[in-house]
Amino acid sequence: MRIDPNTQASEALQPDPAQDPKASTTGQTAAQDAAINGGVQVQLSTSAGQVAALAQQAAAAPPVRTDRVDALRQQIRDGNYNVSNEQVAAAMYSDMATSGGTNE
């Protein structure tokens, strides 16, 4: 099964009465239908917009530079990767300044 990020949440959540014998055809509300059928009422949020935005962010992210990552991993393994406290603090401050201070 393939998940399509462009599918609207409301379309994906609509039951197909032809395939769902318990689907309400009497115009009852979901709560009434759940009470009659002994089921549990579940409400799903419509966060398709958020999912689509995250998918766009992931698609726009720069590719991983595997050569650079591998070189850094090797330096860490060999004990040759040294970063000063000032460099760590500067990178943390820069990251907070560009992200607005939010934990994403």
PDB file of N, CA and C in Angstrom:
ATOM      1  N   MET A   1       0.837  -1.173   0.000  1.00  0.00           N
ATOM      2  CA  MET A   1       0.000   0.000   0.000  1.00  0.00           C
ATOM      3  C   MET A   1       0.882   1.236   0.000  1.00  0.00           C
ATOM      4  N   ARG A   2       0.593   2.175  -0.861  1.00  0.00           N
ATOM      5  CA  ARG A   2       1.360   3.398  -0.964  1.00  0.00           C
ATOM      6  C   ARG A   2       0.562   4.531  -0.343  1.00  0.00           C
ATOM      7  N   ILE A   3       1.209   5.334   0.481  1.00  0.00           N
ATOM      8  CA  ILE A   3       0.558   6.484   1.090  1.00  0.00           C
ATOM      9  C   ILE A   3       0.841   7.691   0.233  1.00  0.00           C
ATOM     10  N   ASP A   4      -0.210   8.338  -0.226  1.00  0.00           N
ATOM     11  CA  ASP A   4      -0.089   9.511  -1.081  1.00  0.00           C
ATOM     12  C   ASP A   4      -0.280  10.761  -0.235  1.00  0.00           C
ATOM     13  N   PRO A   5       0.771  11.597  -0.057  1.00  0.00           N
ATOM     14  CA  PRO A   5       0.638  12.792   0.789  1.00  0.00           C
ATOM     15  C   PRO A   5      -0.319  13.821   0.203  1.00  0.00           C
ATOM     16  N   ASN A   6      -0.689  13.679  -1.062  1.00  0.00           N
ATOM     17  CA  ASN A   6      -1.595  14.640  -1.679  1.00  0.00           C
ATOM     18  C   ASN A   6      -3.065  14.297  -1.461  1.00  0.00           C
ATOM     19  N   THR A   7      -3.349  13.130  -0.900  1.00  0.00           N
ATOM     20  CA  THR A   7      -4.719  12.723  -0.648  1.00  0.00           C
ATOM     21  C   THR A   7      -5.281  13.566   0.495  1.00  0.00           C
ATOM     22  N   GLN A   8      -6.451  14.082   0.293  1.00  0.00           N
ATOM     23  CA  GLN A   8      -7.102  14.871   1.332  1.00  0.00           C
ATOM     24  C   GLN A   8      -7.579  13.942   2.436  1.00  0.00           C
ATOM     25  N   ALA A   9      -7.435  14.369   3.687  1.00  0.00           N
ATOM     26  CA  ALA A   9      -7.810  13.542   4.827  1.00  0.00           C
ATOM     27  C   ALA A   9      -9.295  13.226   4.801  1.00  0.00           C
ATOM     28  N   SER A  10     -10.122  14.176   4.410  1.00  0.00           N
ATOM     29  CA  SER A  10     -11.560  13.935   4.414  1.00  0.00           C
ATOM     30  C   SER A  10     -11.938  12.859   3.403  1.00  0.00           C
ATOM     31  N   GLU A  11     -11.239  12.791   2.271  1.00  0.00           N
ATOM     32  CA  GLU A  11     -11.521  11.757   1.284  1.00  0.00           C
ATOM     33  C   GLU A  11     -11.110  10.388   1.805  1.00  0.00           C
ATOM     34  N   ALA A  12      -9.963  10.332   2.463  1.00  0.00           N
ATOM     35  CA  ALA A  12      -9.437   9.059   2.928  1.00  0.00           C
ATOM     36  C   ALA A  12     -10.248   8.499   4.085  1.00  0.00           C
ATOM     37  N   LEU A  13     -10.921   9.350   4.847  1.00  0.00           N
ATOM     38  CA  LEU A  13     -11.636   8.901   6.024  1.00  0.00           C
ATOM     39  C   LEU A  13     -13.104   8.613   5.769  1.00  0.00           C
ATOM     40  N   GLN A  14     -13.605   8.867   4.584  1.00  0.00           N
ATOM     41  CA  GLN A  14     -15.004   8.621   4.280  1.00  0.00           C
ATOM     42  C   GLN A  14     -15.229   7.124   4.111  1.00  0.00           C
ATOM     43  N   PRO A  15     -16.195   6.546   4.856  1.00  0.00           N
ATOM     44  CA  PRO A  15     -16.455   5.118   4.693  1.00  0.00           C
ATOM     45  C   PRO A  15     -17.166   4.858   3.376  1.00  0.00           C
ATOM     46  N   ASP A  16     -16.912   3.704   2.821  1.00  0.00           N
ATOM     47  CA  ASP A  16     -17.579   3.295   1.594  1.00  0.00           C
ATOM     48  C   ASP A  16     -18.764   2.420   1.990  1.00  0.00           C
ATOM     49  N   PRO A  17     -20.002   2.938   1.868  1.00  0.00           N
ATOM     50  CA  PRO A  17     -21.170   2.171   2.315  1.00  0.00           C
ATOM     51  C   PRO A  17     -21.289   0.826   1.615  1.00  0.00           C
ATOM     52  N   ALA A  18     -20.811   0.706   0.403  1.00  0.00           N
ATOM     53  CA  ALA A  18     -20.900  -0.562  -0.314  1.00  0.00           C
ATOM     54  C   ALA A  18     -20.006  -1.614   0.314  1.00  0.00           C
ATOM     55  N   GLN A  19     -18.907  -1.191   0.950  1.00  0.00           N
ATOM     56  CA  GLN A  19     -17.976  -2.136   1.548  1.00  0.00           C
ATOM     57  C   GLN A  19     -18.151  -2.260   3.049  1.00  0.00           C
ATOM     58  N   ASP A  20     -18.884  -1.352   3.674  1.00  0.00           N
ATOM     59  CA  ASP A  20     -19.038  -1.340   5.125  1.00  0.00           C
ATOM     60  C   ASP A  20     -20.492  -1.633   5.476  1.00  0.00           C
ATOM     61  N   PRO A  21     -20.797  -2.880   5.861  1.00  0.00           N
ATOM     62  CA  PRO A  21     -22.186  -3.206   6.161  1.00  0.00           C
ATOM     63  C   PRO A  21     -22.714  -2.502   7.396  1.00  0.00           C
ATOM     64  N   LYS A  22     -21.836  -2.021   8.266  1.00  0.00           N
ATOM     65  CA  LYS A  22     -22.273  -1.328   9.470  1.00  0.00           C
ATOM     66  C   LYS A  22     -22.438   0.163   9.256  1.00  0.00           C
ATOM     67  N   ALA A  23     -22.146   0.645   8.053  1.00  0.00           N
ATOM     68  CA  ALA A  23     -22.250   2.080   7.779  1.00  0.00           C
ATOM     69  C   ALA A  23     -23.688   2.521   7.975  1.00  0.00           C
ATOM     70  N   SER A  24     -23.847   3.662   8.598  1.00  0.00           N
ATOM     71  CA  SER A  24     -25.178   4.170   8.899  1.00  0.00           C
ATOM     72  C   SER A  24     -25.822   4.735   7.648  1.00  0.00           C
ATOM     73  N   THR A  25     -27.017   4.263   7.347  1.00  0.00           N
ATOM     74  CA  THR A  25     -27.754   4.787   6.199  1.00  0.00           C
ATOM     75  C   THR A  25     -29.025   5.483   6.638  1.00  0.00           C
ATOM     76  N   THR A  26     -29.213   5.625   7.946  1.00  0.00           N
ATOM     77  CA  THR A  26     -30.448   6.215   8.450  1.00  0.00           C
ATOM     78  C   THR A  26     -30.282   7.671   8.825  1.00  0.00           C
ATOM     79  N   GLY A  27     -29.145   8.257   8.542  1.00  0.00           N
ATOM     80  CA  GLY A  27     -28.919   9.661   8.869  1.00  0.00           C
ATOM     81  C   GLY A  27     -28.579   9.876  10.335  1.00  0.00           C
ATOM     82  N   GLN A  28     -28.169   8.834  11.030  1.00  0.00           N
ATOM     83  CA  GLN A  28     -27.810   8.964  12.441  1.00  0.00           C
ATOM     84  C   GLN A  28     -26.451   9.633  12.565  1.00  0.00           C
ATOM     85  N   THR A  29     -26.217  10.237  13.721  1.00  0.00           N
ATOM     86  CA  THR A  29     -24.900  10.804  13.970  1.00  0.00           C
ATOM     87  C   THR A  29     -23.948   9.668  14.300  1.00  0.00           C
ATOM     88  N   ALA A  30     -22.664   9.960  14.262  1.00  0.00           N
ATOM     89  CA  ALA A  30     -21.664   8.940  14.558  1.00  0.00           C
ATOM     90  C   ALA A  30     -21.814   8.428  15.982  1.00  0.00           C
ATOM     91  N   ALA A  31     -22.151   9.321  16.921  1.00  0.00           N
ATOM     92  CA  ALA A  31     -22.317   8.911  18.318  1.00  0.00           C
ATOM     93  C   ALA A  31     -23.511   7.977  18.468  1.00  0.00           C
ATOM     94  N   GLN A  32     -24.617   8.290  17.776  1.00  0.00           N
ATOM     95  CA  GLN A  32     -25.794   7.424  17.841  1.00  0.00           C
ATOM     96  C   GLN A  32     -25.484   6.069  17.220  1.00  0.00           C
ATOM     97  N   ASP A  33     -24.821   6.077  16.094  1.00  0.00           N
ATOM     98  CA  ASP A  33     -24.477   4.838  15.412  1.00  0.00           C
ATOM     99  C   ASP A  33     -23.564   3.978  16.279  1.00  0.00           C
ATOM    100  N   ALA A  34     -22.570   4.625  16.932  1.00  0.00           N
ATOM    101  CA  ALA A  34     -21.650   3.887  17.794  1.00  0.00           C
ATOM    102  C   ALA A  34     -22.389   3.299  18.989  1.00  0.00           C
ATOM    103  N   ALA A  35     -23.336   4.051  19.558  1.00  0.00           N
ATOM    104  CA  ALA A  35     -24.089   3.559  20.708  1.00  0.00           C
ATOM    105  C   ALA A  35     -24.964   2.375  20.312  1.00  0.00           C
ATOM    106  N   ILE A  36     -25.586   2.445  19.145  1.00  0.00           N
ATOM    107  CA  ILE A  36     -26.459   1.373  18.687  1.00  0.00           C
ATOM    108  C   ILE A  36     -25.657   0.118  18.378  1.00  0.00           C
ATOM    109  N   ASN A  37     -24.530   0.274  17.720  1.00  0.00           N
ATOM    110  CA  ASN A  37     -23.713  -0.866  17.315  1.00  0.00           C
ATOM    111  C   ASN A  37     -22.768  -1.344  18.405  1.00  0.00           C
ATOM    112  N   GLY A  38     -22.774  -0.686  19.557  1.00  0.00           N
ATOM    113  CA  GLY A  38     -21.908  -1.093  20.649  1.00  0.00           C
ATOM    114  C   GLY A  38     -20.451  -0.767  20.401  1.00  0.00           C
ATOM    115  N   GLY A  39     -20.186   0.125  19.472  1.00  0.00           N
ATOM    116  CA  GLY A  39     -18.814   0.485  19.133  1.00  0.00           C
ATOM    117  C   GLY A  39     -18.318   1.670  19.927  1.00  0.00           C
ATOM    118  N   VAL A  40     -17.163   2.105  19.587  1.00  0.00           N
ATOM    119  CA  VAL A  40     -16.530   3.245  20.222  1.00  0.00           C
ATOM    120  C   VAL A  40     -16.439   4.356  19.199  1.00  0.00           C
ATOM    121  N   GLN A  41     -16.767   5.558  19.616  1.00  0.00           N
ATOM    122  CA  GLN A  41     -16.680   6.698  18.706  1.00  0.00           C
ATOM    123  C   GLN A  41     -15.240   7.196  18.676  1.00  0.00           C
ATOM    124  N   VAL A  42     -14.713   7.373  17.481  1.00  0.00           N
ATOM    125  CA  VAL A  42     -13.348   7.850  17.297  1.00  0.00           C
ATOM    126  C   VAL A  42     -13.387   9.072  16.397  1.00  0.00           C
ATOM    127  N   GLN A  43     -12.666  10.104  16.795  1.00  0.00           N
ATOM    128  CA  GLN A  43     -12.577  11.304  15.976  1.00  0.00           C
ATOM    129  C   GLN A  43     -11.128  11.502  15.584  1.00  0.00           C
ATOM    130  N   LEU A  44     -10.892  11.667  14.292  1.00  0.00           N
ATOM    131  CA  LEU A  44      -9.549  11.895  13.786  1.00  0.00           C
ATOM    132  C   LEU A  44      -9.410  13.354  13.389  1.00  0.00           C
ATOM    133  N   SER A  45      -8.279  13.929  13.699  1.00  0.00           N
ATOM    134  CA  SER A  45      -8.054  15.322  13.315  1.00  0.00           C
ATOM    135  C   SER A  45      -7.753  15.394  11.825  1.00  0.00           C
ATOM    136  N   THR A  46      -8.017  16.535  11.266  1.00  0.00           N
ATOM    137  CA  THR A  46      -7.718  16.739   9.848  1.00  0.00           C
ATOM    138  C   THR A  46      -6.381  17.466   9.744  1.00  0.00           C
ATOM    139  N   SER A  47      -5.326  16.704   9.899  1.00  0.00           N
ATOM    140  CA  SER A  47      -3.991  17.289   9.863  1.00  0.00           C
ATOM    141  C   SER A  47      -3.293  17.008   8.543  1.00  0.00           C
ATOM    142  N   ALA A  48      -4.068  16.817   7.505  1.00  0.00           N
ATOM    143  CA  ALA A  48      -3.468  16.537   6.196  1.00  0.00           C
ATOM    144  C   ALA A  48      -2.606  17.709   5.742  1.00  0.00           C
ATOM    145  N   GLY A  49      -3.019  18.919   6.083  1.00  0.00           N
ATOM    146  CA  GLY A  49      -2.229  20.093   5.716  1.00  0.00           C
ATOM    147  C   GLY A  49      -0.871  20.082   6.381  1.00  0.00           C
ATOM    148  N   GLN A  50      -0.839  19.680   7.652  1.00  0.00           N
ATOM    149  CA  GLN A  50       0.431  19.607   8.366  1.00  0.00           C
ATOM    150  C   GLN A  50       1.319  18.522   7.773  1.00  0.00           C
ATOM    151  N   VAL A  51       0.725  17.391   7.441  1.00  0.00           N
ATOM    152  CA  VAL A  51       1.492  16.300   6.846  1.00  0.00           C
ATOM    153  C   VAL A  51       2.061  16.725   5.499  1.00  0.00           C
ATOM    154  N   ALA A  52       1.251  17.423   4.713  1.00  0.00           N
ATOM    155  CA  ALA A  52       1.719  17.890   3.405  1.00  0.00           C
ATOM    156  C   ALA A  52       2.857  18.894   3.561  1.00  0.00           C
ATOM    157  N   ALA A  53       2.745  19.778   4.551  1.00  0.00           N
ATOM    158  CA  ALA A  53       3.808  20.757   4.785  1.00  0.00           C
ATOM    159  C   ALA A  53       5.100  20.061   5.199  1.00  0.00           C
ATOM    160  N   LEU A  54       4.995  19.047   6.054  1.00  0.00           N
ATOM    161  CA  LEU A  54       6.184  18.301   6.469  1.00  0.00           C
ATOM    162  C   LEU A  54       6.790  17.531   5.302  1.00  0.00           C
ATOM    163  N   ALA A  55       5.944  17.001   4.439  1.00  0.00           N
ATOM    164  CA  ALA A  55       6.450  16.294   3.258  1.00  0.00           C
ATOM    165  C   ALA A  55       7.194  17.254   2.344  1.00  0.00           C
ATOM    166  N   GLN A  56       6.687  18.486   2.206  1.00  0.00           N
ATOM    167  CA  GLN A  56       7.382  19.481   1.388  1.00  0.00           C
ATOM    168  C   GLN A  56       8.720  19.847   2.006  1.00  0.00           C
ATOM    169  N   GLN A  57       8.755  19.995   3.337  1.00  0.00           N
ATOM    170  CA  GLN A  57      10.015  20.317   4.013  1.00  0.00           C
ATOM    171  C   GLN A  57      11.029  19.199   3.801  1.00  0.00           C
ATOM    172  N   ALA A  58      10.578  17.960   3.904  1.00  0.00           N
ATOM    173  CA  ALA A  58      11.485  16.823   3.718  1.00  0.00           C
ATOM    174  C   ALA A  58      12.005  16.772   2.290  1.00  0.00           C
ATOM    175  N   ALA A  59      11.127  17.069   1.331  1.00  0.00           N
ATOM    176  CA  ALA A  59      11.548  17.053  -0.066  1.00  0.00           C
ATOM    177  C   ALA A  59      12.520  18.183  -0.371  1.00  0.00           C
ATOM    178  N   ALA A  60      12.371  19.309   0.332  1.00  0.00           N
ATOM    179  CA  ALA A  60      13.226  20.466   0.093  1.00  0.00           C
ATOM    180  C   ALA A  60      14.544  20.401   0.868  1.00  0.00           C
ATOM    181  N   ALA A  61      14.654  19.450   1.784  1.00  0.00           N
ATOM    182  CA  ALA A  61      15.872  19.343   2.590  1.00  0.00           C
ATOM    183  C   ALA A  61      17.051  18.994   1.690  1.00  0.00           C
ATOM    184  N   PRO A  62      18.202  19.559   1.999  1.00  0.00           N
ATOM    185  CA  PRO A  62      19.369  19.244   1.167  1.00  0.00           C
ATOM    186  C   PRO A  62      19.749  17.770   1.320  1.00  0.00           C
ATOM    187  N   PRO A  63      20.324  17.201   0.302  1.00  0.00           N
ATOM    188  CA  PRO A  63      20.716  15.797   0.390  1.00  0.00           C
ATOM    189  C   PRO A  63      21.825  15.608   1.420  1.00  0.00           C
ATOM    190  N   VAL A  64      21.873  14.441   2.000  1.00  0.00           N
ATOM    191  CA  VAL A  64      22.909  14.135   2.989  1.00  0.00           C
ATOM    192  C   VAL A  64      24.234  13.970   2.263  1.00  0.00           C
ATOM    193  N   ARG A  65      25.227  14.660   2.768  1.00  0.00           N
ATOM    194  CA  ARG A  65      26.566  14.555   2.179  1.00  0.00           C
ATOM    195  C   ARG A  65      27.268  13.377   2.844  1.00  0.00           C
ATOM    196  N   THR A  66      27.048  12.197   2.299  1.00  0.00           N
ATOM    197  CA  THR A  66      27.562  10.987   2.934  1.00  0.00           C
ATOM    198  C   THR A  66      29.073  10.985   3.048  1.00  0.00           C
ATOM    199  N   ASP A  67      29.779  11.600   2.099  1.00  0.00           N
ATOM    200  CA  ASP A  67      31.239  11.637   2.187  1.00  0.00           C
ATOM    201  C   ASP A  67      31.682  12.418   3.418  1.00  0.00           C
ATOM    202  N   ARG A  68      31.026  13.542   3.678  1.00  0.00           N
ATOM    203  CA  ARG A  68      31.368  14.377   4.844  1.00  0.00           C
ATOM    204  C   ARG A  68      30.977  13.670   6.143  1.00  0.00           C
ATOM    205  N   VAL A  69      29.805  13.045   6.146  1.00  0.00           N
ATOM    206  CA  VAL A  69      29.346  12.322   7.340  1.00  0.00           C
ATOM    207  C   VAL A  69      30.292  11.165   7.656  1.00  0.00           C
ATOM    208  N   ASP A  70      30.680  10.419   6.648  1.00  0.00           N
ATOM    209  CA  ASP A  70      31.598   9.295   6.861  1.00  0.00           C
ATOM    210  C   ASP A  70      32.944   9.772   7.383  1.00  0.00           C
ATOM    211  N   ALA A  71      33.432  10.883   6.853  1.00  0.00           N
ATOM    212  CA  ALA A  71      34.722  11.423   7.324  1.00  0.00           C
ATOM    213  C   ALA A  71      34.633  11.838   8.791  1.00  0.00           C
ATOM    214  N   LEU A  72      33.520  12.486   9.160  1.00  0.00           N
ATOM    215  CA  LEU A  72      33.345  12.894  10.559  1.00  0.00           C
ATOM    216  C   LEU A  72      33.207  11.680  11.473  1.00  0.00           C
ATOM    217  N   ARG A  73      32.490  10.666  11.033  1.00  0.00           N
ATOM    218  CA  ARG A  73      32.368   9.440  11.838  1.00  0.00           C
ATOM    219  C   ARG A  73      33.736   8.813  12.084  1.00  0.00           C
ATOM    220  N   GLN A  74      34.563   8.795  11.049  1.00  0.00           N
ATOM    221  CA  GLN A  74      35.893   8.211  11.198  1.00  0.00           C
ATOM    222  C   GLN A  74      36.733   9.028  12.174  1.00  0.00           C
ATOM    223  N   GLN A  75      36.653  10.347  12.095  1.00  0.00           N
ATOM    224  CA  GLN A  75      37.388  11.205  13.037  1.00  0.00           C
ATOM    225  C   GLN A  75      36.937  10.954  14.468  1.00  0.00           C
ATOM    226  N   ILE A  76      35.634  10.771  14.665  1.00  0.00           N
ATOM    227  CA  ILE A  76      35.109  10.505  16.011  1.00  0.00           C
ATOM    228  C   ILE A  76      35.620   9.159  16.497  1.00  0.00           C
ATOM    229  N   ARG A  77      35.573   8.126  15.638  1.00  0.00           N
ATOM    230  CA  ARG A  77      36.073   6.793  16.018  1.00  0.00           C
ATOM    231  C   ARG A  77      37.548   6.837  16.404  1.00  0.00           C
ATOM    232  N   ASP A  78      38.329   7.615  15.633  1.00  0.00           N
ATOM    233  CA  ASP A  78      39.768   7.695  15.877  1.00  0.00           C
ATOM    234  C   ASP A  78      40.121   8.605  17.049  1.00  0.00           C
ATOM    235  N   GLY A  79      39.126   9.355  17.556  1.00  0.00           N
ATOM    236  CA  GLY A  79      39.387  10.285  18.659  1.00  0.00           C
ATOM    237  C   GLY A  79      40.025  11.574  18.194  1.00  0.00           C
ATOM    238  N   ASN A  80      39.945  11.887  16.911  1.00  0.00           N
ATOM    239  CA  ASN A  80      40.559  13.089  16.355  1.00  0.00           C
ATOM    240  C   ASN A  80      39.587  14.236  16.170  1.00  0.00           C
ATOM    241  N   TYR A  81      38.331  14.042  16.507  1.00  0.00           N
ATOM    242  CA  TYR A  81      37.334  15.094  16.308  1.00  0.00           C
ATOM    243  C   TYR A  81      37.195  15.862  17.612  1.00  0.00           C
ATOM    244  N   ASN A  82      37.734  17.070  17.633  1.00  0.00           N
ATOM    245  CA  ASN A  82      37.694  17.901  18.834  1.00  0.00           C
ATOM    246  C   ASN A  82      36.993  19.214  18.518  1.00  0.00           C
ATOM    247  N   VAL A  83      36.012  19.549  19.319  1.00  0.00           N
ATOM    248  CA  VAL A  83      35.272  20.787  19.148  1.00  0.00           C
ATOM    249  C   VAL A  83      35.342  21.545  20.471  1.00  0.00           C
ATOM    250  N   SER A  84      35.643  22.828  20.388  1.00  0.00           N
ATOM    251  CA  SER A  84      35.736  23.623  21.609  1.00  0.00           C
ATOM    252  C   SER A  84      34.348  23.952  22.134  1.00  0.00           C
ATOM    253  N   ASN A  85      34.289  24.293  23.411  1.00  0.00           N
ATOM    254  CA  ASN A  85      33.020  24.690  24.019  1.00  0.00           C
ATOM    255  C   ASN A  85      32.441  25.913  23.324  1.00  0.00           C
ATOM    256  N   GLU A  86      33.312  26.813  22.893  1.00  0.00           N
ATOM    257  CA  GLU A  86      32.859  28.026  22.215  1.00  0.00           C
ATOM    258  C   GLU A  86      32.175  27.678  20.880  1.00  0.00           C
ATOM    259  N   GLN A  87      32.744  26.709  20.157  1.00  0.00           N
ATOM    260  CA  GLN A  87      32.142  26.300  18.881  1.00  0.00           C
ATOM    261  C   GLN A  87      30.767  25.661  19.101  1.00  0.00           C
ATOM    262  N   VAL A  88      30.656  24.853  20.142  1.00  0.00           N
ATOM    263  CA  VAL A  88      29.371  24.214  20.453  1.00  0.00           C
ATOM    264  C   VAL A  88      28.343  25.277  20.818  1.00  0.00           C
ATOM    265  N   ALA A  89      28.725  26.214  21.669  1.00  0.00           N
ATOM    266  CA  ALA A  89      27.811  27.274  22.088  1.00  0.00           C
ATOM    267  C   ALA A  89      27.390  28.138  20.907  1.00  0.00           C
ATOM    268  N   ALA A  90      28.333  28.463  20.034  1.00  0.00           N
ATOM    269  CA  ALA A  90      28.017  29.281  18.863  1.00  0.00           C
ATOM    270  C   ALA A  90      27.043  28.553  17.930  1.00  0.00           C
ATOM    271  N   ALA A  91      27.253  27.252  17.738  1.00  0.00           N
ATOM    272  CA  ALA A  91      26.360  26.476  16.876  1.00  0.00           C
ATOM    273  C   ALA A  91      24.970  26.378  17.491  1.00  0.00           C
ATOM    274  N   MET A  92      24.893  26.182  18.810  1.00  0.00           N
ATOM    275  CA  MET A  92      23.589  26.111  19.483  1.00  0.00           C
ATOM    276  C   MET A  92      22.855  27.441  19.369  1.00  0.00           C
ATOM    277  N   TYR A  93      23.582  28.534  19.585  1.00  0.00           N
ATOM    278  CA  TYR A  93      22.966  29.861  19.495  1.00  0.00           C
ATOM    279  C   TYR A  93      22.481  30.134  18.075  1.00  0.00           C
ATOM    280  N   SER A  94      23.297  29.780  17.093  1.00  0.00           N
ATOM    281  CA  SER A  94      22.927  29.985  15.700  1.00  0.00           C
ATOM    282  C   SER A  94      21.677  29.184  15.329  1.00  0.00           C
ATOM    283  N   ASP A  95      21.623  27.949  15.799  1.00  0.00           N
ATOM    284  CA  ASP A  95      20.462  27.091  15.523  1.00  0.00           C
ATOM    285  C   ASP A  95      19.206  27.664  16.171  1.00  0.00           C
ATOM    286  N   MET A  96      19.318  28.126  17.400  1.00  0.00           N
ATOM    287  CA  MET A  96      18.150  28.707  18.085  1.00  0.00           C
ATOM    288  C   MET A  96      17.713  29.995  17.404  1.00  0.00           C
ATOM    289  N   ALA A  97      18.658  30.787  16.942  1.00  0.00           N
ATOM    290  CA  ALA A  97      18.322  32.050  16.295  1.00  0.00           C
ATOM    291  C   ALA A  97      17.611  31.832  14.958  1.00  0.00           C
ATOM    292  N   THR A  98      18.010  30.806  14.207  1.00  0.00           N
ATOM    293  CA  THR A  98      17.396  30.565  12.912  1.00  0.00           C
ATOM    294  C   THR A  98      16.066  29.835  13.029  1.00  0.00           C
ATOM    295  N   SER A  99      15.877  29.047  14.096  1.00  0.00           N
ATOM    296  CA  SER A  99      14.628  28.308  14.245  1.00  0.00           C
ATOM    297  C   SER A  99      13.633  29.052  15.115  1.00  0.00           C
ATOM    298  N   GLY A 100      13.977  30.222  15.576  1.00  0.00           N
ATOM    299  CA  GLY A 100      13.067  30.975  16.430  1.00  0.00           C
ATOM    300  C   GLY A 100      13.001  30.468  17.847  1.00  0.00           C
ATOM    301  N   GLY A 101      13.950  29.632  18.239  1.00  0.00           N
ATOM    302  CA  GLY A 101      14.000  29.128  19.598  1.00  0.00           C
ATOM    303  C   GLY A 101      13.038  27.989  19.873  1.00  0.00           C
ATOM    304  N   THR A 102      12.443  27.409  18.839  1.00  0.00           N
ATOM    305  CA  THR A 102      11.506  26.314  19.037  1.00  0.00           C
ATOM    306  C   THR A 102      12.225  24.983  18.914  1.00  0.00           C
ATOM    307  N   ASN A 103      11.722  24.001  19.594  1.00  0.00           N
ATOM    308  CA  ASN A 103      12.266  22.638  19.482  1.00  0.00           C
ATOM    309  C   ASN A 103      11.524  21.919  18.388  1.00  0.00           C
ATOM    310  N   GLU A 104      12.120  21.791  17.244  1.00  0.00           N
ATOM    311  CA  GLU A 104      11.463  21.125  16.109  1.00  0.00           C
ATOM    312  C   GLU A 104      12.054  19.787  15.881  1.00  0.00           C
TER     313      GLU A 104
END
